[in-house]
Protein backbone atom coordinates (compact mmCIF):
# COMPACT_ATOMS: atom_id res chain seq x y z
CA UNK A 1 0.00 0.00 0.00
CA UNK A 2 1.03 3.61 -0.56
CA UNK A 3 1.08 4.53 3.10
CA UNK A 4 3.30 1.53 3.87
CA UNK A 5 5.86 2.63 1.31
CA UNK A 6 5.81 6.14 2.78
CA UNK A 7 6.22 4.65 6.23
CA UNK A 8 9.27 2.64 5.17
CA UNK A 9 10.80 5.65 3.42
CA UNK A 10 10.34 7.91 6.44
CA UNK A 11 11.67 5.30 8.83
CA UNK A 12 14.74 4.58 6.71
CA UNK A 13 15.72 8.25 7.04
CA UNK A 14 14.49 9.23 10.49
CA UNK A 15 15.45 6.17 12.53
CA UNK A 16 19.20 6.26 11.71
CA UNK A 17 19.21 10.01 12.34
CA UNK A 18 17.48 9.54 15.71
CA UNK A 19 19.94 6.78 16.60
CA UNK A 20 22.94 9.01 15.85
CA UNK A 21 21.33 11.91 17.78
CA UNK A 22 20.81 9.64 20.78
CA UNK A 23 24.44 8.54 20.51
CA UNK A 24 25.57 12.18 20.52
CA UNK A 25 23.61 12.82 23.71
CA UNK A 26 25.01 9.73 25.43
CA UNK A 27 28.54 10.51 24.28
CA UNK A 28 28.12 14.05 25.61
CA UNK A 29 27.26 12.57 29.00
CA UNK A 30 30.37 10.38 28.84
CA UNK A 31 32.56 13.41 28.06
CA UNK A 32 30.99 15.35 30.93
CA UNK A 33 31.79 12.50 33.33
CA UNK A 34 35.37 12.53 31.99
CA UNK A 35 35.63 16.22 32.92
CA UNK A 36 35.30 17.75 29.44
CA UNK A 37 32.71 20.15 28.07
CA UNK A 38 30.62 18.19 25.52
CA UNK A 39 30.19 21.25 23.31
CA UNK A 40 33.96 21.77 23.23
CA UNK A 41 34.41 18.11 22.35
CA UNK A 42 31.98 18.35 19.43
CA UNK A 43 33.64 21.57 18.25
CA UNK A 44 37.07 19.90 18.39
CA UNK A 45 35.79 16.90 16.42
CA UNK A 46 34.36 19.17 13.74
CA UNK A 47 37.55 21.23 13.56
CA UNK A 48 39.76 18.14 13.25
CA UNK A 49 37.50 16.48 10.70
CA UNK A 50 36.14 19.26 8.48
CA UNK A 51 37.57 22.55 9.71
CA UNK A 52 40.21 22.98 7.00
CA UNK A 53 41.48 21.45 3.78
CA UNK A 54 44.16 19.60 5.72
CA UNK A 55 41.46 18.21 8.02
CA UNK A 56 39.38 17.12 5.02
CA UNK A 57 42.38 15.28 3.61
CA UNK A 58 42.90 13.39 6.88
CA UNK A 59 39.21 12.51 6.90
CA UNK A 60 39.09 11.25 3.32
CA UNK A 61 42.27 9.21 3.78
CA UNK A 62 40.52 7.33 6.58
CA UNK A 63 37.22 7.13 4.71
CA UNK A 64 38.53 5.07 1.78
CA UNK A 65 39.22 1.82 3.70
CA UNK A 66 35.93 2.24 5.57
CA UNK A 67 33.98 2.17 2.31
CA UNK A 68 35.66 -1.09 1.31
CA UNK A 69 35.47 -2.84 4.67
CA UNK A 70 31.86 -1.75 5.08
CA UNK A 71 30.94 -3.67 1.93
CA UNK A 72 32.28 -6.84 3.56
CA UNK A 73 29.32 -6.66 5.96
CA UNK A 74 26.78 -4.88 3.76
CA UNK A 75 26.81 -7.27 0.79
CA UNK A 76 26.34 -10.54 2.75
CA UNK A 77 23.69 -8.78 4.84
CA UNK A 78 21.47 -8.61 1.74
CA UNK A 79 21.45 -12.41 1.90
CA UNK A 80 20.61 -12.38 5.60
CA UNK A 81 24.17 -13.05 6.80
CA UNK A 82 25.85 -11.09 9.59
CA UNK A 83 29.56 -11.07 8.72
CA UNK A 84 32.00 -9.27 11.02
CA UNK A 85 35.22 -10.75 9.65
CA UNK A 86 36.20 -7.50 7.94
CA UNK A 87 39.40 -7.04 9.94
CA UNK A 88 40.65 -10.52 9.11
CA UNK A 89 39.94 -10.12 5.40
CA UNK A 90 41.75 -6.76 5.41
CA UNK A 91 44.80 -8.23 7.15
CA UNK A 92 44.90 -11.28 4.88
CA UNK A 93 44.52 -9.09 1.80
CA UNK A 94 47.36 -6.88 3.03
CA UNK A 95 49.53 -9.95 3.63
CA UNK A 96 49.06 -11.28 0.10
CA UNK A 97 49.59 -7.80 -1.35
CA UNK A 98 52.94 -7.53 0.44
CA UNK A 99 53.98 -11.01 -0.70
CA UNK A 100 53.20 -10.15 -4.32
CA UNK A 101 54.84 -6.73 -4.03
CA UNK A 102 58.04 -8.19 -2.60
CA UNK A 103 58.07 -10.99 -5.17
CA UNK A 104 57.75 -8.52 -8.06
CA UNK A 105 60.38 -6.17 -6.64
CA UNK A 106 61.27 -3.18 -8.76
CA UNK A 107 61.84 -5.06 -12.01
CA UNK A 108 58.29 -4.66 -13.30
CA UNK A 109 56.38 -1.49 -14.19
CA UNK A 110 54.71 0.11 -11.18
CA UNK A 111 51.22 -0.04 -12.67
CA UNK A 112 51.54 -3.77 -13.31
CA UNK A 113 52.80 -4.45 -9.78
CA UNK A 114 49.94 -2.46 -8.26
CA UNK A 115 47.48 -4.36 -10.43
CA UNK A 116 48.91 -7.71 -9.35
CA UNK A 117 48.84 -6.64 -5.71
CA UNK A 118 45.22 -5.55 -6.05
CA UNK A 119 44.26 -8.83 -7.72
CA UNK A 120 46.01 -10.85 -5.01
CA UNK A 121 44.29 -8.90 -2.24
CA UNK A 122 40.89 -9.27 -3.92
CA UNK A 123 41.31 -13.04 -4.19
CA UNK A 124 42.73 -13.35 -0.68
CA UNK A 125 39.97 -11.38 1.05
CA UNK A 126 37.28 -13.01 -1.05
CA UNK A 127 38.42 -16.56 -0.34
CA UNK A 128 38.89 -15.73 3.35
CA UNK A 129 35.25 -14.71 3.79
CA UNK A 130 33.98 -17.34 1.37
CA UNK A 131 35.20 -19.93 3.87
CA UNK A 132 32.77 -18.37 6.37
CA UNK A 133 29.93 -18.64 3.84
CA UNK A 134 30.80 -22.27 3.11
CA UNK A 135 30.83 -23.15 6.80
CA UNK A 136 27.44 -21.49 7.17
CA UNK A 137 25.79 -23.16 4.19
CA UNK A 138 27.26 -26.64 4.29
CA UNK A 139 27.89 -27.17 8.01
CA UNK A 140 25.45 -24.76 9.68
CA UNK A 141 28.19 -22.87 11.55
CA UNK A 142 27.07 -19.43 12.73
CA UNK A 143 28.68 -16.94 10.35
CA UNK A 144 29.01 -14.18 12.96
CA UNK A 145 31.05 -16.31 15.34
CA UNK A 146 33.16 -17.98 12.64
CA UNK A 147 33.96 -14.67 10.92
CA UNK A 148 34.96 -13.14 14.26
CA UNK A 149 37.32 -16.05 14.95
CA UNK A 150 38.75 -15.72 11.44
CA UNK A 151 39.89 -12.23 12.40
CA UNK A 152 42.16 -13.60 15.11
CA UNK A 153 43.41 -16.32 12.79
CA UNK A 154 44.43 -13.78 10.13
CA UNK A 155 46.17 -11.54 12.67
CA UNK A 156 48.03 -14.52 14.17
CA UNK A 157 49.18 -15.64 10.72
CA UNK A 158 50.35 -12.13 9.89
CA UNK A 159 52.30 -11.83 13.15
CA UNK A 160 53.94 -15.21 12.59
CA UNK A 161 55.18 -14.29 9.12
CA UNK A 162 56.23 -10.77 10.07
CA UNK A 163 58.22 -12.03 13.04
CA UNK A 164 59.69 -14.85 10.95
CA UNK A 165 60.28 -15.24 7.20
CA UNK A 166 59.21 -11.72 6.19
CA UNK A 167 60.96 -9.82 8.98
CA UNK A 168 63.23 -6.94 8.03
CA UNK A 169 66.31 -7.19 10.31
CA UNK A 170 66.69 -3.41 10.26
CA UNK A 171 63.54 -3.10 12.39
CA UNK A 172 64.40 -4.32 15.87
CA UNK A 173 61.82 -2.81 18.20
CA UNK A 174 58.82 -3.26 15.91
CA UNK A 175 58.79 -6.42 13.78
CA UNK A 176 57.98 -5.46 10.19
CA UNK A 177 58.23 -6.94 6.76
CA UNK A 178 60.55 -5.65 4.07
CA UNK A 179 59.31 -2.51 2.34
CA UNK A 180 57.69 -2.87 -1.06
CA UNK A 181 59.39 -1.13 -3.98
CA UNK A 182 58.64 2.55 -4.42
CA UNK A 183 57.25 1.85 -7.89
CA UNK A 184 54.44 -0.12 -6.20
CA UNK A 185 53.38 2.77 -3.99
CA UNK A 186 49.86 4.04 -4.60
CA UNK A 187 49.92 7.68 -5.69
CA UNK A 188 47.87 10.63 -4.47
CA UNK A 189 45.29 12.76 -6.19
CA UNK A 190 46.83 15.88 -7.76
CA UNK A 191 47.35 18.71 -5.30
CA UNK A 192 46.52 16.66 -2.22
CA UNK A 193 47.63 13.90 0.14
CA UNK A 194 44.50 11.86 -0.62
CA UNK A 195 45.55 8.59 -2.22
CA UNK A 196 43.72 6.82 -5.03
CA UNK A 197 42.22 4.39 -2.53
CA UNK A 198 39.39 6.89 -2.16
CA UNK A 199 38.53 6.34 -5.82
CA UNK A 200 38.66 2.58 -5.32
CA UNK A 201 36.26 2.82 -2.39
CA UNK A 202 33.75 5.09 -4.12
CA UNK A 203 33.78 2.97 -7.30
CA UNK A 204 33.32 -0.21 -5.27
CA UNK A 205 30.25 1.26 -3.56
CA UNK A 206 28.76 2.34 -6.91
CA UNK A 207 29.38 -1.06 -8.47
CA UNK A 208 27.92 -2.81 -5.42
CA UNK A 209 24.78 -0.69 -5.58
CA UNK A 210 24.31 -1.46 -9.28
CA UNK A 211 24.96 -5.16 -8.66
CA UNK A 212 22.42 -5.45 -5.86
CA UNK A 213 19.70 -3.17 -7.23
CA UNK A 214 19.96 -3.53 -11.01
CA UNK A 215 20.95 -7.11 -11.81
CA UNK A 216 19.30 -10.52 -11.65
CA UNK A 217 22.03 -11.64 -9.27
CA UNK A 218 21.11 -8.82 -6.92
CA UNK A 219 17.41 -9.62 -7.19
CA UNK A 220 18.10 -13.28 -6.39
CA UNK A 221 20.26 -12.25 -3.44
CA UNK A 222 17.62 -9.92 -2.02
CA UNK A 223 14.88 -12.48 -2.53
CA UNK A 224 16.88 -15.15 -0.74
CA UNK A 225 17.64 -12.78 2.12
CA UNK A 226 13.96 -11.98 2.60
CA UNK A 227 12.83 -15.63 2.66
CA UNK A 228 15.41 -18.36 2.20
CA UNK A 229 12.82 -21.13 2.35
CA UNK A 230 10.78 -19.60 -0.45
CA UNK A 231 14.00 -19.07 -2.43
CA UNK A 232 14.81 -22.77 -2.20
CA UNK A 233 11.27 -23.69 -3.26
CA UNK A 234 11.63 -21.34 -6.24
CA UNK A 235 14.79 -23.15 -7.30
CA UNK A 236 17.31 -20.40 -6.51
CA UNK A 237 20.89 -21.67 -6.01
CA UNK A 238 21.20 -20.60 -2.37
CA UNK A 239 24.59 -22.23 -1.89
CA UNK A 240 26.13 -20.55 -4.92
CA UNK A 241 24.63 -17.20 -3.93
CA UNK A 242 26.05 -17.55 -0.43
CA UNK A 243 29.56 -18.31 -1.66
CA UNK A 244 29.43 -15.58 -4.32
CA UNK A 245 28.18 -12.79 -2.07
CA UNK A 246 30.67 -13.70 0.67
CA UNK A 247 33.49 -13.71 -1.87
CA UNK A 248 32.49 -10.28 -3.19
CA UNK A 249 32.23 -8.79 0.29
CA UNK A 250 35.52 -10.26 1.41
CA UNK A 251 37.31 -9.13 -1.74
CA UNK A 252 36.40 -5.52 -0.96
CA UNK A 253 37.91 -5.79 2.52
CA UNK A 254 40.97 -7.49 1.05
CA UNK A 255 41.40 -4.60 -1.37
CA UNK A 256 41.29 -2.24 1.61
CA UNK A 257 44.31 -4.07 2.99
CA UNK A 258 46.19 -3.59 -0.26
CA UNK A 259 45.31 0.13 -0.26
CA UNK A 260 46.64 0.55 3.27
CA UNK A 261 49.91 -1.18 2.34
CA UNK A 262 50.49 0.56 -1.00
CA UNK A 263 49.34 4.03 0.06
CA UNK A 264 50.05 4.34 3.79
CA UNK A 265 52.13 1.63 5.50
CA UNK A 266 54.49 0.55 2.65
CA UNK A 267 55.33 -2.54 4.73
CA UNK A 268 53.43 -5.05 6.85
CA UNK A 269 53.43 -4.87 10.65
CA UNK A 270 51.00 -4.70 13.55
CA UNK A 271 49.94 -1.19 12.46
CA UNK A 272 47.78 -2.77 9.76
CA UNK A 273 45.44 -3.85 12.58
CA UNK A 274 43.97 -0.37 12.94
CA UNK A 275 40.31 -1.34 13.51
CA UNK A 276 39.20 -0.25 10.05
CA UNK A 277 37.51 -3.63 9.71
CA UNK A 278 35.47 -3.29 12.87
CA UNK A 279 34.61 0.31 11.99
CA UNK A 280 33.39 -0.99 8.62
CA UNK A 281 30.77 -3.05 10.47
CA UNK A 282 29.48 0.17 12.01
CA UNK A 283 29.46 1.87 8.59
CA UNK A 284 27.36 -0.96 7.14
CA UNK A 285 24.78 -0.90 9.94
CA UNK A 286 24.43 2.89 10.11
CA UNK A 287 23.91 3.04 6.32
CA UNK A 288 21.36 0.20 6.50
CA UNK A 289 23.58 -1.82 4.13
CA UNK A 290 23.01 0.69 1.33
CA UNK A 291 26.28 0.99 -0.66
CA UNK A 292 25.55 4.57 -1.75
CA UNK A 293 24.78 5.74 1.78
CA UNK A 294 27.99 4.09 2.91
CA UNK A 295 30.03 6.71 1.06
CA UNK A 296 28.58 9.50 3.23
CA UNK A 297 28.72 7.47 6.44
CA UNK A 298 32.36 6.54 5.76
CA UNK A 299 33.28 10.20 5.41
CA UNK A 300 31.53 11.08 8.66
CA UNK A 301 33.13 8.22 10.56
CA UNK A 302 36.49 8.96 8.95
CA UNK A 303 36.23 12.46 10.36
CA UNK A 304 35.56 11.06 13.83
CA UNK A 305 38.60 8.79 13.56
CA UNK A 306 40.74 11.72 12.43
CA UNK A 307 39.81 13.71 15.55
CA UNK A 308 41.30 11.32 18.09
CA UNK A 309 44.62 13.14 18.28
CA UNK A 310 43.18 16.60 18.83
CA UNK A 311 40.90 15.34 21.59
CA UNK A 312 43.95 14.00 23.36
CA UNK A 313 46.06 17.13 22.90
CA UNK A 314 43.56 19.90 23.49
CA UNK A 315 41.07 18.35 25.93
CA UNK A 316 43.23 15.76 27.71
CA UNK A 317 40.88 12.95 26.68
CA UNK A 318 42.26 9.51 25.86
CA UNK A 319 42.90 8.80 22.19
CA UNK A 320 40.47 5.88 22.52
CA UNK A 321 37.61 8.32 23.15
CA UNK A 322 36.61 8.06 19.50
CA UNK A 323 36.33 4.29 19.92
CA UNK A 324 33.91 4.87 22.79
CA UNK A 325 31.90 7.11 20.49
CA UNK A 326 31.86 4.39 17.83
CA UNK A 327 30.65 1.84 20.36
CA UNK A 328 27.84 4.09 21.57
CA UNK A 329 26.73 4.76 17.98
CA UNK A 330 26.78 1.04 17.22
CA UNK A 331 24.64 0.18 20.25
CA UNK A 332 22.13 2.92 19.41
CA UNK A 333 21.89 1.76 15.81
CA UNK A 334 21.36 -1.85 16.89
CA UNK A 335 18.59 -0.80 19.27
CA UNK A 336 16.98 1.34 16.59
CA UNK A 337 16.38 -1.77 14.48
CA UNK A 338 13.52 -2.62 16.81
CA UNK A 339 11.74 0.60 15.82
CA UNK A 340 11.31 -0.27 12.14
CA UNK A 341 7.66 -0.89 11.35
CA UNK A 342 6.57 0.61 14.67
CA UNK A 343 7.64 4.25 14.64
CA UNK A 344 4.69 5.52 12.56
CA UNK A 345 2.38 2.52 12.84
CA UNK A 346 -0.01 4.22 15.25
CA UNK A 347 -0.12 7.38 13.13
CA UNK A 348 -0.92 5.57 9.90
CA UNK A 349 -3.55 3.37 11.54
CA UNK A 350 -5.49 6.42 12.64
CA UNK A 351 -5.88 7.56 9.04
CA UNK A 352 -8.88 6.21 7.18
CA UNK A 353 -7.34 5.86 3.72
CA UNK A 354 -10.59 4.60 2.21
CA UNK A 355 -12.41 7.77 3.29
CA UNK A 356 -9.56 9.90 1.99
CA UNK A 357 -9.75 8.19 -1.41
CA UNK A 358 -13.53 8.69 -1.60
CA UNK A 359 -13.16 12.35 -0.67
CA UNK A 360 -10.51 12.87 -3.37
CA UNK A 361 -12.75 11.15 -5.95
CA UNK A 362 -15.56 13.62 -5.20
């Protein structure tokens, strides 16, 4: 019915906004308990995130991996899966990107090396999360728990290799891999420090939106997510859809790992575990798994991440304060899911749509 579509449209906009507003109020209370003026905290966050061109660059640099890791949760969610293995896929993608980059060295053209690194990270992240989908479909293992455990497995594997075969002996205090060749570094947009990973992230979100909303594959995925039993009765290949959508989501997170290596870190070490994967889960839920909305949400969350340093310097708040903010937003967004279908239900029930239609006909 028309009023139901209006109800869904209003709720899809208002409920996330109300959730974020509630999170701001709760975070303000936390800051007050920590001895800081909430208004000063919000002003400092805005200044660090969007107050100048330099601030915008810091924000957009952090937004690019968030777009990619967010897709690792958003795409499987359209099939009804809750995947939180973004961090593991990012780390595993970064690991394979470094291996390919070191193997190629400086003997090949830079563009070719970057392409091979990107391909390796896409395959690595995709296969990493596809394992989660296979466990879910064929063995009934809960995908949320298995994907979470896969994070620790990827980090442990990375630490083992960095502290062993890949370790650069010149780094004593902080075990790190050898640095990839300078020809394999990912460049920046002209006149800025913003690397091309931002373009990768935005394009990935656009492609994901087209794939889910404008293709038969996307229609089959959405139909299966709404009612998996009916999808099986209709003859849809649920197993193939599960493996494919998990591979696509994981490949995006794997590409984020390659971007962090080629554009920021240049070598592999524990710094690659920077919580971009877990923040991507928040991006996916706040945007309601809409790839286009994820671009805006990633920029906003990237700005919050960029403000951690200024909160510590100017207001004597811990650098982890932004992580507290993320956690509060995530809890508010999760709670807001219970409001869908109920926020305007009483209002719409009071309206006699049949009488309104008769009146309009007269």
